[in-house]
C-alpha atoms as a PDB file:
ATOM      1  CA  UNK A   1     -15.772 -29.182 -25.069  1.00  0.00           C
ATOM      2  CA  UNK A   2     -12.173 -27.896 -25.247  1.00  0.00           C
ATOM      3  CA  UNK A   3     -10.179 -30.778 -23.787  1.00  0.00           C
ATOM      4  CA  UNK A   4      -8.021 -31.393 -20.719  1.00  0.00           C
ATOM      5  CA  UNK A   5      -5.429 -28.724 -21.570  1.00  0.00           C
ATOM      6  CA  UNK A   6      -7.907 -25.854 -21.341  1.00  0.00           C
ATOM      7  CA  UNK A   7      -9.474 -27.420 -18.238  1.00  0.00           C
ATOM      8  CA  UNK A   8      -6.100 -27.363 -16.467  1.00  0.00           C
ATOM      9  CA  UNK A   9      -5.610 -23.723 -17.448  1.00  0.00           C
ATOM     10  CA  UNK A  10      -9.038 -22.835 -16.026  1.00  0.00           C
ATOM     11  CA  UNK A  11      -8.175 -24.605 -12.773  1.00  0.00           C
ATOM     12  CA  UNK A  12      -5.101 -22.403 -12.380  1.00  0.00           C
ATOM     13  CA  UNK A  13      -7.187 -19.200 -12.474  1.00  0.00           C
ATOM     14  CA  UNK A  14      -7.321 -17.739  -8.915  1.00  0.00           C
ATOM     15  CA  UNK A  15     -10.684 -17.346  -7.209  1.00  0.00           C
ATOM     16  CA  UNK A  16     -12.304 -13.924  -7.050  1.00  0.00           C
ATOM     17  CA  UNK A  17     -12.296 -11.871  -3.855  1.00  0.00           C
ATOM     18  CA  UNK A  18     -16.016 -12.475  -3.451  1.00  0.00           C
ATOM     19  CA  UNK A  19     -15.626 -16.236  -3.669  1.00  0.00           C
ATOM     20  CA  UNK A  20     -12.796 -16.280  -1.130  1.00  0.00           C
ATOM     21  CA  UNK A  21     -14.721 -14.036   1.264  1.00  0.00           C
ATOM     22  CA  UNK A  22     -17.846 -16.192   0.941  1.00  0.00           C
ATOM     23  CA  UNK A  23     -15.914 -19.380   1.667  1.00  0.00           C
ATOM     24  CA  UNK A  24     -14.251 -17.803   4.723  1.00  0.00           C
ATOM     25  CA  UNK A  25     -17.673 -16.703   5.973  1.00  0.00           C
ATOM     26  CA  UNK A  26     -19.091 -20.207   5.439  1.00  0.00           C
ATOM     27  CA  UNK A  27     -16.178 -21.782   7.340  1.00  0.00           C
ATOM     28  CA  UNK A  28     -16.591 -19.300  10.202  1.00  0.00           C
ATOM     29  CA  UNK A  29     -20.305 -20.098  10.437  1.00  0.00           C
ATOM     30  CA  UNK A  30     -19.550 -23.827  10.422  1.00  0.00           C
ATOM     31  CA  UNK A  31     -16.999 -23.426  13.254  1.00  0.00           C
ATOM     32  CA  UNK A  32     -19.524 -21.395  15.245  1.00  0.00           C
ATOM     33  CA  UNK A  33     -22.059 -24.199  14.855  1.00  0.00           C
ATOM     34  CA  UNK A  34     -19.506 -26.784  15.939  1.00  0.00           C
ATOM     35  CA  UNK A  35     -19.017 -24.913  19.213  1.00  0.00           C
ATOM     36  CA  UNK A  36     -22.424 -26.228  20.258  1.00  0.00           C
ATOM     37  CA  UNK A  37     -23.053 -29.543  22.024  1.00  0.00           C
ATOM     38  CA  UNK A  38     -25.220 -32.439  20.924  1.00  0.00           C
ATOM     39  CA  UNK A  39     -28.105 -33.228  23.276  1.00  0.00           C
ATOM     40  CA  UNK A  40     -31.560 -34.779  22.946  1.00  0.00           C
ATOM     41  CA  UNK A  41     -32.890 -31.729  21.152  1.00  0.00           C
ATOM     42  CA  UNK A  42     -30.026 -31.480  18.692  1.00  0.00           C
ATOM     43  CA  UNK A  43     -27.213 -28.993  18.224  1.00  0.00           C
ATOM     44  CA  UNK A  44     -27.284 -25.963  20.514  1.00  0.00           C
ATOM     45  CA  UNK A  45     -25.395 -22.936  19.270  1.00  0.00           C
ATOM     46  CA  UNK A  46     -22.943 -21.066  21.486  1.00  0.00           C
ATOM     47  CA  UNK A  47     -25.167 -18.001  21.693  1.00  0.00           C
ATOM     48  CA  UNK A  48     -28.183 -20.095  22.642  1.00  0.00           C
ATOM     49  CA  UNK A  49     -26.181 -21.624  25.496  1.00  0.00           C
ATOM     50  CA  UNK A  50     -25.138 -18.203  26.793  1.00  0.00           C
ATOM     51  CA  UNK A  51     -28.726 -16.937  26.698  1.00  0.00           C
ATOM     52  CA  UNK A  52     -29.818 -19.590  29.203  1.00  0.00           C
ATOM     53  CA  UNK A  53     -28.110 -17.953  32.157  1.00  0.00           C
ATOM     54  CA  UNK A  54     -25.694 -15.317  33.352  1.00  0.00           C
ATOM     55  CA  UNK A  55     -22.360 -14.731  31.654  1.00  0.00           C
ATOM     56  CA  UNK A  56     -19.100 -12.802  31.991  1.00  0.00           C
ATOM     57  CA  UNK A  57     -16.917 -11.239  29.305  1.00  0.00           C
ATOM     58  CA  UNK A  58     -13.178 -10.896  28.867  1.00  0.00           C
ATOM     59  CA  UNK A  59     -11.942  -8.594  26.136  1.00  0.00           C
ATOM     60  CA  UNK A  60      -8.789  -7.006  24.832  1.00  0.00           C
ATOM     61  CA  UNK A  61      -7.884  -4.662  22.014  1.00  0.00           C
ATOM     62  CA  UNK A  62      -4.551  -5.222  20.318  1.00  0.00           C
ATOM     63  CA  UNK A  63      -2.762  -4.478  17.062  1.00  0.00           C
ATOM     64  CA  UNK A  64      -2.000  -7.412  14.759  1.00  0.00           C
ATOM     65  CA  UNK A  65       0.943  -7.906  12.381  1.00  0.00           C
ATOM     66  CA  UNK A  66      -0.769  -5.814   9.680  1.00  0.00           C
ATOM     67  CA  UNK A  67      -1.137  -2.857  12.118  1.00  0.00           C
ATOM     68  CA  UNK A  68      -4.914  -3.335  12.289  1.00  0.00           C
ATOM     69  CA  UNK A  69      -6.620  -2.933  15.662  1.00  0.00           C
ATOM     70  CA  UNK A  70      -8.553  -6.074  16.628  1.00  0.00           C
ATOM     71  CA  UNK A  71     -11.122  -6.470  19.393  1.00  0.00           C
ATOM     72  CA  UNK A  72     -11.138 -10.005  20.811  1.00  0.00           C
ATOM     73  CA  UNK A  73     -13.943 -11.035  23.167  1.00  0.00           C
ATOM     74  CA  UNK A  74     -14.290 -14.275  25.159  1.00  0.00           C
ATOM     75  CA  UNK A  75     -17.373 -15.335  27.095  1.00  0.00           C
ATOM     76  CA  UNK A  76     -17.648 -17.503  30.208  1.00  0.00           C
ATOM     77  CA  UNK A  77     -21.010 -19.048  30.979  1.00  0.00           C
ATOM     78  CA  UNK A  78     -22.670 -21.930  32.790  1.00  0.00           C
ATOM     79  CA  UNK A  79     -24.060 -24.791  30.718  1.00  0.00           C
ATOM     80  CA  UNK A  80     -24.984 -28.320  31.690  1.00  0.00           C
ATOM     81  CA  UNK A  81     -23.832 -27.581  35.281  1.00  0.00           C
ATOM     82  CA  UNK A  82     -20.320 -26.714  34.107  1.00  0.00           C
ATOM     83  CA  UNK A  83     -18.419 -23.476  33.489  1.00  0.00           C
ATOM     84  CA  UNK A  84     -17.490 -23.059  29.849  1.00  0.00           C
ATOM     85  CA  UNK A  85     -15.262 -20.625  27.976  1.00  0.00           C
ATOM     86  CA  UNK A  86     -15.475 -19.818  24.273  1.00  0.00           C
ATOM     87  CA  UNK A  87     -14.467 -17.041  21.930  1.00  0.00           C
ATOM     88  CA  UNK A  88     -17.530 -14.886  21.291  1.00  0.00           C
ATOM     89  CA  UNK A  89     -16.181 -12.811  18.407  1.00  0.00           C
ATOM     90  CA  UNK A  90     -13.160 -11.038  16.940  1.00  0.00           C
ATOM     91  CA  UNK A  91     -13.665  -7.894  14.916  1.00  0.00           C
ATOM     92  CA  UNK A  92     -11.453  -5.104  13.543  1.00  0.00           C
ATOM     93  CA  UNK A  93     -11.732  -1.569  14.929  1.00  0.00           C
ATOM     94  CA  UNK A  94     -11.830   0.995  12.154  1.00  0.00           C
ATOM     95  CA  UNK A  95     -10.467   4.468  12.824  1.00  0.00           C
ATOM     96  CA  UNK A  96      -9.973   5.329  16.486  1.00  0.00           C
ATOM     97  CA  UNK A  97      -9.903   2.828  19.378  1.00  0.00           C
ATOM     98  CA  UNK A  98     -11.524   4.869  22.138  1.00  0.00           C
ATOM     99  CA  UNK A  99     -13.696   3.462  24.885  1.00  0.00           C
ATOM    100  CA  UNK A 100     -16.753   4.647  22.971  1.00  0.00           C
ATOM    101  CA  UNK A 101     -15.639   2.783  19.829  1.00  0.00           C
ATOM    102  CA  UNK A 102     -15.015  -0.426  21.779  1.00  0.00           C
ATOM    103  CA  UNK A 103     -18.352  -0.163  23.584  1.00  0.00           C
ATOM    104  CA  UNK A 104     -20.233   0.453  20.318  1.00  0.00           C
ATOM    105  CA  UNK A 105     -18.702  -2.664  18.728  1.00  0.00           C
ATOM    106  CA  UNK A 106     -19.386  -4.769  21.806  1.00  0.00           C
ATOM    107  CA  UNK A 107     -22.921  -3.464  22.337  1.00  0.00           C
ATOM    108  CA  UNK A 108     -23.888  -3.941  18.688  1.00  0.00           C
ATOM    109  CA  UNK A 109     -22.587  -7.515  18.693  1.00  0.00           C
ATOM    110  CA  UNK A 110     -24.459  -8.415  21.884  1.00  0.00           C
ATOM    111  CA  UNK A 111     -27.679  -6.951  20.478  1.00  0.00           C
ATOM    112  CA  UNK A 112     -27.112  -8.782  17.185  1.00  0.00           C
ATOM    113  CA  UNK A 113     -26.825 -12.083  19.068  1.00  0.00           C
ATOM    114  CA  UNK A 114     -29.755 -11.277  21.320  1.00  0.00           C
ATOM    115  CA  UNK A 115     -27.669 -11.155  24.508  1.00  0.00           C
ATOM    116  CA  UNK A 116     -28.845  -8.843  27.286  1.00  0.00           C
ATOM    117  CA  UNK A 117     -26.585  -6.672  29.439  1.00  0.00           C
ATOM    118  CA  UNK A 118     -28.875  -7.524  32.372  1.00  0.00           C
ATOM    119  CA  UNK A 119     -27.424 -11.060  32.427  1.00  0.00           C
ATOM    120  CA  UNK A 120     -23.794  -9.942  32.208  1.00  0.00           C
ATOM    121  CA  UNK A 121     -22.248 -10.091  35.682  1.00  0.00           C
ATOM    122  CA  UNK A 122     -18.600  -9.222  35.013  1.00  0.00           C
ATOM    123  CA  UNK A 123     -16.129  -7.787  32.513  1.00  0.00           C
ATOM    124  CA  UNK A 124     -12.373  -8.434  32.621  1.00  0.00           C
ATOM    125  CA  UNK A 125     -10.027  -6.107  30.711  1.00  0.00           C
ATOM    126  CA  UNK A 126      -6.506  -4.743  30.797  1.00  0.00           C
ATOM    127  CA  UNK A 127      -5.761  -1.457  32.560  1.00  0.00           C
ATOM    128  CA  UNK A 128      -5.677   0.779  29.469  1.00  0.00           C
ATOM    129  CA  UNK A 129      -7.339   4.188  29.634  1.00  0.00           C
ATOM    130  CA  UNK A 130      -9.750   3.270  26.837  1.00  0.00           C
ATOM    131  CA  UNK A 131     -10.962   0.365  28.963  1.00  0.00           C
ATOM    132  CA  UNK A 132     -11.122   1.790  32.485  1.00  0.00           C
ATOM    133  CA  UNK A 133     -11.509   5.542  31.909  1.00  0.00           C
ATOM    134  CA  UNK A 134     -13.968   7.015  34.434  1.00  0.00           C
ATOM    135  CA  UNK A 135     -15.708   9.328  31.957  1.00  0.00           C
ATOM    136  CA  UNK A 136     -15.215   8.036  28.414  1.00  0.00           C
ATOM    137  CA  UNK A 137     -13.740   4.572  28.925  1.00  0.00           C
ATOM    138  CA  UNK A 138     -15.474   1.280  28.211  1.00  0.00           C
ATOM    139  CA  UNK A 139     -16.128   0.812  31.931  1.00  0.00           C
ATOM    140  CA  UNK A 140     -18.009   4.104  32.178  1.00  0.00           C
ATOM    141  CA  UNK A 141     -20.178   3.276  29.146  1.00  0.00           C
ATOM    142  CA  UNK A 142     -20.967  -0.249  30.326  1.00  0.00           C
ATOM    143  CA  UNK A 143     -21.932   0.948  33.809  1.00  0.00           C
ATOM    144  CA  UNK A 144     -24.370   3.388  32.235  1.00  0.00           C
ATOM    145  CA  UNK A 145     -26.398   0.518  30.763  1.00  0.00           C
ATOM    146  CA  UNK A 146     -25.543  -2.146  33.374  1.00  0.00           C
ATOM    147  CA  UNK A 147     -24.602  -0.624  36.770  1.00  0.00           C
ATOM    148  CA  UNK A 148     -24.431  -4.075  38.381  1.00  0.00           C
ATOM    149  CA  UNK A 149     -21.493  -5.293  36.243  1.00  0.00           C
ATOM    150  CA  UNK A 150     -18.240  -5.901  38.142  1.00  0.00           C
ATOM    151  CA  UNK A 151     -14.981  -4.921  36.407  1.00  0.00           C
ATOM    152  CA  UNK A 152     -11.696  -6.715  37.066  1.00  0.00           C
ATOM    153  CA  UNK A 153      -8.162  -6.049  35.843  1.00  0.00           C
ATOM    154  CA  UNK A 154      -6.675  -9.137  34.160  1.00  0.00           C
ATOM    155  CA  UNK A 155      -4.211 -10.755  36.593  1.00  0.00           C
ATOM    156  CA  UNK A 156      -1.924 -11.977  33.803  1.00  0.00           C
ATOM    157  CA  UNK A 157      -1.704  -8.442  32.419  1.00  0.00           C
ATOM    158  CA  UNK A 158      -0.951  -7.036  35.882  1.00  0.00           C
ATOM    159  CA  UNK A 159       1.835  -9.603  36.344  1.00  0.00           C
ATOM    160  CA  UNK A 160       3.315  -8.627  32.979  1.00  0.00           C
ATOM    161  CA  UNK A 161       3.196  -4.933  33.882  1.00  0.00           C
ATOM    162  CA  UNK A 162       4.832  -5.547  37.264  1.00  0.00           C
ATOM    163  CA  UNK A 163       7.655  -7.554  35.690  1.00  0.00           C
ATOM    164  CA  UNK A 164       8.526  -4.592  33.444  1.00  0.00           C
ATOM    165  CA  UNK A 165       9.800  -2.608  36.439  1.00  0.00           C
ATOM    166  CA  UNK A 166      13.582  -2.911  36.349  1.00  0.00           C
ATOM    167  CA  UNK A 167      16.484  -1.393  38.216  1.00  0.00           C
ATOM    168  CA  UNK A 168      18.096   1.215  35.877  1.00  0.00           C
ATOM    169  CA  UNK A 169      21.355  -0.748  35.712  1.00  0.00           C
ATOM    170  CA  UNK A 170      19.545  -3.988  34.820  1.00  0.00           C
ATOM    171  CA  UNK A 171      17.405  -2.119  32.320  1.00  0.00           C
ATOM    172  CA  UNK A 172      20.561  -0.956  30.527  1.00  0.00           C
ATOM    173  CA  UNK A 173      21.738  -4.575  30.369  1.00  0.00           C
ATOM    174  CA  UNK A 174      18.418  -5.567  28.785  1.00  0.00           C
ATOM    175  CA  UNK A 175      18.585  -2.715  26.269  1.00  0.00           C
ATOM    176  CA  UNK A 176      22.188  -3.566  25.333  1.00  0.00           C
ATOM    177  CA  UNK A 177      21.231  -7.220  24.903  1.00  0.00           C
ATOM    178  CA  UNK A 178      18.442  -6.248  22.513  1.00  0.00           C
ATOM    179  CA  UNK A 179      20.925  -4.097  20.540  1.00  0.00           C
ATOM    180  CA  UNK A 180      23.207  -7.122  20.149  1.00  0.00           C
ATOM    181  CA  UNK A 181      20.362  -9.272  18.884  1.00  0.00           C
ATOM    182  CA  UNK A 182      19.171  -6.572  16.488  1.00  0.00           C
ATOM    183  CA  UNK A 183      22.731  -6.054  15.186  1.00  0.00           C
ATOM    184  CA  UNK A 184      22.945  -9.688  14.130  1.00  0.00           C
ATOM    185  CA  UNK A 185      19.305 -10.145  13.079  1.00  0.00           C
ATOM    186  CA  UNK A 186      19.111  -6.936  11.019  1.00  0.00           C
ATOM    187  CA  UNK A 187      20.676  -8.432   7.853  1.00  0.00           C
ATOM    188  CA  UNK A 188      19.976 -11.891   6.385  1.00  0.00           C
ATOM    189  CA  UNK A 189      23.674 -12.285   5.552  1.00  0.00           C
ATOM    190  CA  UNK A 190      24.690 -11.730   9.181  1.00  0.00           C
ATOM    191  CA  UNK A 191      22.087 -14.271  10.299  1.00  0.00           C
ATOM    192  CA  UNK A 192      23.566 -16.890   7.955  1.00  0.00           C
ATOM    193  CA  UNK A 193      27.145 -16.088   8.958  1.00  0.00           C
ATOM    194  CA  UNK A 194      26.279 -16.303  12.651  1.00  0.00           C
ATOM    195  CA  UNK A 195      24.507 -19.648  12.104  1.00  0.00           C
ATOM    196  CA  UNK A 196      27.611 -20.958  10.306  1.00  0.00           C
ATOM    197  CA  UNK A 197      29.851 -19.819  13.178  1.00  0.00           C
ATOM    198  CA  UNK A 198      27.618 -21.522  15.771  1.00  0.00           C
ATOM    199  CA  UNK A 199      27.554 -24.707  13.711  1.00  0.00           C
ATOM    200  CA  UNK A 200      31.347 -24.762  13.386  1.00  0.00           C
ATOM    201  CA  UNK A 201      31.687 -24.326  17.164  1.00  0.00           C
ATOM    202  CA  UNK A 202      29.251 -27.166  17.841  1.00  0.00           C
ATOM    203  CA  UNK A 203      26.514 -25.055  19.431  1.00  0.00           C
ATOM    204  CA  UNK A 204      23.097 -26.613  20.092  1.00  0.00           C
ATOM    205  CA  UNK A 205      21.344 -23.489  18.786  1.00  0.00           C
ATOM    206  CA  UNK A 206      22.331 -21.437  15.752  1.00  0.00           C
ATOM    207  CA  UNK A 207      20.170 -18.316  16.013  1.00  0.00           C
ATOM    208  CA  UNK A 208      19.167 -15.581  18.441  1.00  0.00           C
ATOM    209  CA  UNK A 209      15.566 -14.674  19.250  1.00  0.00           C
ATOM    210  CA  UNK A 210      13.834 -11.347  18.692  1.00  0.00           C
ATOM    211  CA  UNK A 211      12.271  -9.379  21.548  1.00  0.00           C
ATOM    212  CA  UNK A 212       8.914  -7.668  21.125  1.00  0.00           C
ATOM    213  CA  UNK A 213       6.877  -5.871  23.785  1.00  0.00           C
ATOM    214  CA  UNK A 214       3.650  -7.531  22.625  1.00  0.00           C
ATOM    215  CA  UNK A 215       5.009 -11.011  23.335  1.00  0.00           C
ATOM    216  CA  UNK A 216       5.507 -10.960  27.096  1.00  0.00           C
ATOM    217  CA  UNK A 217       7.544 -14.168  27.243  1.00  0.00           C
ATOM    218  CA  UNK A 218      10.091 -12.989  24.678  1.00  0.00           C
ATOM    219  CA  UNK A 219      12.371 -11.189  27.140  1.00  0.00           C
ATOM    220  CA  UNK A 220      13.201 -14.353  29.056  1.00  0.00           C
ATOM    221  CA  UNK A 221      13.660 -16.361  25.871  1.00  0.00           C
ATOM    222  CA  UNK A 222      15.887 -13.698  24.275  1.00  0.00           C
ATOM    223  CA  UNK A 223      18.135 -13.335  27.334  1.00  0.00           C
ATOM    224  CA  UNK A 224      18.462 -17.081  27.907  1.00  0.00           C
ATOM    225  CA  UNK A 225      19.491 -17.672  24.288  1.00  0.00           C
ATOM    226  CA  UNK A 226      21.918 -14.740  24.318  1.00  0.00           C
ATOM    227  CA  UNK A 227      23.546 -15.968  27.532  1.00  0.00           C
ATOM    228  CA  UNK A 228      23.821 -19.481  26.102  1.00  0.00           C
ATOM    229  CA  UNK A 229      25.475 -18.195  22.890  1.00  0.00           C
ATOM    230  CA  UNK A 230      27.475 -15.374  24.543  1.00  0.00           C
ATOM    231  CA  UNK A 231      30.897 -16.668  23.403  1.00  0.00           C
ATOM    232  CA  UNK A 232      29.716 -17.085  19.801  1.00  0.00           C
ATOM    233  CA  UNK A 233      28.086 -13.656  19.832  1.00  0.00           C
ATOM    234  CA  UNK A 234      31.277 -12.072  21.188  1.00  0.00           C
ATOM    235  CA  UNK A 235      33.396 -13.678  18.436  1.00  0.00           C
ATOM    236  CA  UNK A 236      30.923 -12.581  15.767  1.00  0.00           C
ATOM    237  CA  UNK A 237      30.774  -8.986  17.027  1.00  0.00           C
ATOM    238  CA  UNK A 238      34.598  -8.830  17.252  1.00  0.00           C
ATOM    239  CA  UNK A 239      34.942 -10.050  13.675  1.00  0.00           C
ATOM    240  CA  UNK A 240      32.589  -7.274  12.550  1.00  0.00           C
ATOM    241  CA  UNK A 241      34.309  -4.584  14.616  1.00  0.00           C
ATOM    242  CA  UNK A 242      31.334  -3.843  16.880  1.00  0.00           C
ATOM    243  CA  UNK A 243      31.992  -2.220  20.257  1.00  0.00           C
ATOM    244  CA  UNK A 244      29.125  -4.278  21.675  1.00  0.00           C
ATOM    245  CA  UNK A 245      31.611  -7.162  21.954  1.00  0.00           C
ATOM    246  CA  UNK A 246      33.261  -5.390  24.899  1.00  0.00           C
ATOM    247  CA  UNK A 247      30.194  -6.025  27.084  1.00  0.00           C
ATOM    248  CA  UNK A 248      30.516  -9.772  26.562  1.00  0.00           C
ATOM    249  CA  UNK A 249      34.062  -9.646  27.942  1.00  0.00           C
ATOM    250  CA  UNK A 250      32.965  -7.835  31.112  1.00  0.00           C
ATOM    251  CA  UNK A 251      32.336 -10.289  34.002  1.00  0.00           C
ATOM    252  CA  UNK A 252      30.101  -7.805  35.864  1.00  0.00           C
ATOM    253  CA  UNK A 253      27.896  -7.244  32.806  1.00  0.00           C
ATOM    254  CA  UNK A 254      27.684 -10.991  32.147  1.00  0.00           C
ATOM    255  CA  UNK A 255      26.707 -11.585  35.776  1.00  0.00           C
ATOM    256  CA  UNK A 256      23.768  -9.207  35.398  1.00  0.00           C
ATOM    257  CA  UNK A 257      22.834 -10.854  32.099  1.00  0.00           C
ATOM    258  CA  UNK A 258      22.828 -14.273  33.790  1.00  0.00           C
ATOM    259  CA  UNK A 259      20.658 -12.948  36.611  1.00  0.00           C
ATOM    260  CA  UNK A 260      18.161 -11.403  34.166  1.00  0.00           C
ATOM    261  CA  UNK A 261      17.994 -14.633  32.157  1.00  0.00           C
ATOM    262  CA  UNK A 262      17.228 -16.565  35.361  1.00  0.00           C
ATOM    263  CA  UNK A 263      14.674 -14.207  36.874  1.00  0.00           C
ATOM    264  CA  UNK A 264      12.772 -13.776  33.606  1.00  0.00           C
ATOM    265  CA  UNK A 265      12.709 -17.553  33.218  1.00  0.00           C
ATOM    266  CA  UNK A 266      11.004 -17.701  36.626  1.00  0.00           C
ATOM    267  CA  UNK A 267       8.580 -14.940  35.617  1.00  0.00           C
ATOM    268  CA  UNK A 268       7.797 -16.743  32.363  1.00  0.00           C
ATOM    269  CA  UNK A 269       6.977 -19.865  34.338  1.00  0.00           C
ATOM    270  CA  UNK A 270       4.605 -17.854  36.530  1.00  0.00           C
ATOM    271  CA  UNK A 271       2.985 -16.246  33.488  1.00  0.00           C
ATOM    272  CA  UNK A 272       2.424 -19.614  31.816  1.00  0.00           C
ATOM    273  CA  UNK A 273       0.913 -21.059  35.002  1.00  0.00           C
ATOM    274  CA  UNK A 274      -1.637 -18.219  35.051  1.00  0.00           C
ATOM    275  CA  UNK A 275      -2.863 -19.069  31.559  1.00  0.00           C
ATOM    276  CA  UNK A 276      -5.327 -21.752  30.543  1.00  0.00           C
ATOM    277  CA  UNK A 277      -9.023 -22.485  30.440  1.00  0.00           C
ATOM    278  CA  UNK A 278     -11.492 -22.217  33.317  1.00  0.00           C
ATOM    279  CA  UNK A 279      -9.131 -20.475  35.709  1.00  0.00           C
ATOM    280  CA  UNK A 280     -10.556 -18.325  38.485  1.00  0.00           C
ATOM    281  CA  UNK A 281      -9.402 -15.289  40.409  1.00  0.00           C
ATOM    282  CA  UNK A 282      -8.898 -17.283  43.631  1.00  0.00           C
ATOM    283  CA  UNK A 283      -6.476 -19.861  42.224  1.00  0.00           C
ATOM    284  CA  UNK A 284      -4.605 -17.199  40.243  1.00  0.00           C
ATOM    285  CA  UNK A 285      -4.335 -15.017  43.343  1.00  0.00           C
ATOM    286  CA  UNK A 286      -2.883 -17.982  45.254  1.00  0.00           C
ATOM    287  CA  UNK A 287      -0.219 -18.451  42.570  1.00  0.00           C
ATOM    288  CA  UNK A 288       0.737 -14.762  42.695  1.00  0.00           C
ATOM    289  CA  UNK A 289       1.058 -14.827  46.497  1.00  0.00           C
ATOM    290  CA  UNK A 290       3.074 -18.065  46.355  1.00  0.00           C
ATOM    291  CA  UNK A 291       5.502 -16.478  43.890  1.00  0.00           C
ATOM    292  CA  UNK A 292       5.860 -13.393  46.104  1.00  0.00           C
ATOM    293  CA  UNK A 293       6.733 -15.674  49.026  1.00  0.00           C
ATOM    294  CA  UNK A 294       9.334 -17.344  46.801  1.00  0.00           C
ATOM    295  CA  UNK A 295      10.843 -13.928  46.083  1.00  0.00           C
ATOM    296  CA  UNK A 296      11.157 -13.271  49.823  1.00  0.00           C
ATOM    297  CA  UNK A 297      12.798 -16.649  50.345  1.00  0.00           C
ATOM    298  CA  UNK A 298      15.181 -16.103  47.419  1.00  0.00           C
ATOM    299  CA  UNK A 299      16.148 -12.719  48.876  1.00  0.00           C
ATOM    300  CA  UNK A 300      17.059 -14.389  52.163  1.00  0.00           C
ATOM    301  CA  UNK A 301      19.131 -17.046  50.385  1.00  0.00           C
ATOM    302  CA  UNK A 302      20.992 -14.429  48.310  1.00  0.00           C
ATOM    303  CA  UNK A 303      21.838 -12.517  51.508  1.00  0.00           C
ATOM    304  CA  UNK A 304      23.297 -15.797  52.795  1.00  0.00           C
ATOM    305  CA  UNK A 305      25.419 -16.082  49.643  1.00  0.00           C
ATOM    306  CA  UNK A 306      23.390 -18.931  48.101  1.00  0.00           C
ATOM    307  CA  UNK A 307      22.177 -18.569  44.507  1.00  0.00           C
ATOM    308  CA  UNK A 308      21.575 -22.211  43.539  1.00  0.00           C
ATOM    309  CA  UNK A 309      17.937 -21.398  42.651  1.00  0.00           C
ATOM    310  CA  UNK A 310      19.308 -19.431  39.660  1.00  0.00           C
ATOM    311  CA  UNK A 311      21.057 -22.184  37.710  1.00  0.00           C
ATOM    312  CA  UNK A 312      22.711 -20.092  34.945  1.00  0.00           C
ATOM    313  CA  UNK A 313      23.950 -17.475  37.426  1.00  0.00           C
ATOM    314  CA  UNK A 314      25.178 -20.116  39.878  1.00  0.00           C
ATOM    315  CA  UNK A 315      27.101 -21.932  37.128  1.00  0.00           C
ATOM    316  CA  UNK A 316      28.594 -18.701  35.789  1.00  0.00           C
ATOM    317  CA  UNK A 317      29.722 -17.535  39.240  1.00  0.00           C
END
């Protein structure tokens, strides 16, 4: 009626919140349907598969980039004579994040999907108080309705917690390294100037990496990149009059930095090997014990004056 010009203007009008929300909901429902398998009867939904036998849950509560608490729940179940893993649901936690709040969300979702606690045989969580508290934690509430459920502490989370234990002197090296990274990464101008310096000096990489406690692998990545770019970082800090440059001229401090970069690289490799689909507690336990035996062997080799298993440290020495 009004021509192509007005039609183009109408197309540029953004969709309403309701329309966007409805489309997101439709896409989520479509993905949930696609999680099913095609058989002679037709498409079987994920929940229908889980209902056919016993199942186990793995859940974690974490804070996302918008500072909202999210509850993420995975389910493992047997279907067509195979073990399967799928995400069951992800939902925000409003207000507090106590064990009671987590249990209420979980219990309501299971009832909504028609899943019975009587068929749940195990729950895997991290070691937080809200999860494993004896009186008000999730474990206590679950055992009230399903005393047969076995609780396990996530092996990957335990490995990450164990790797946080550092000698005080090495911990200071880690903290100083993070200060160096933050000094350069704090201002966009410094980031660009540092990238220019690295480019002029022919470096393979032109930026440092941030460290965050939520991302367990970041420590190894941060330290490896800092050790690789240590000469460029020292020049940059000297040009800006920072006293942090003195650490990068200290051979003892650099030796500890090289060691940390190497050992966290090994820990990152272990952490990655523990991840993946359809793992089980037996194979993961074997990997942990194998790594502990490696640590004993490395200790013996270090006492003999051999550090070739730590490539960066060996090259620096």
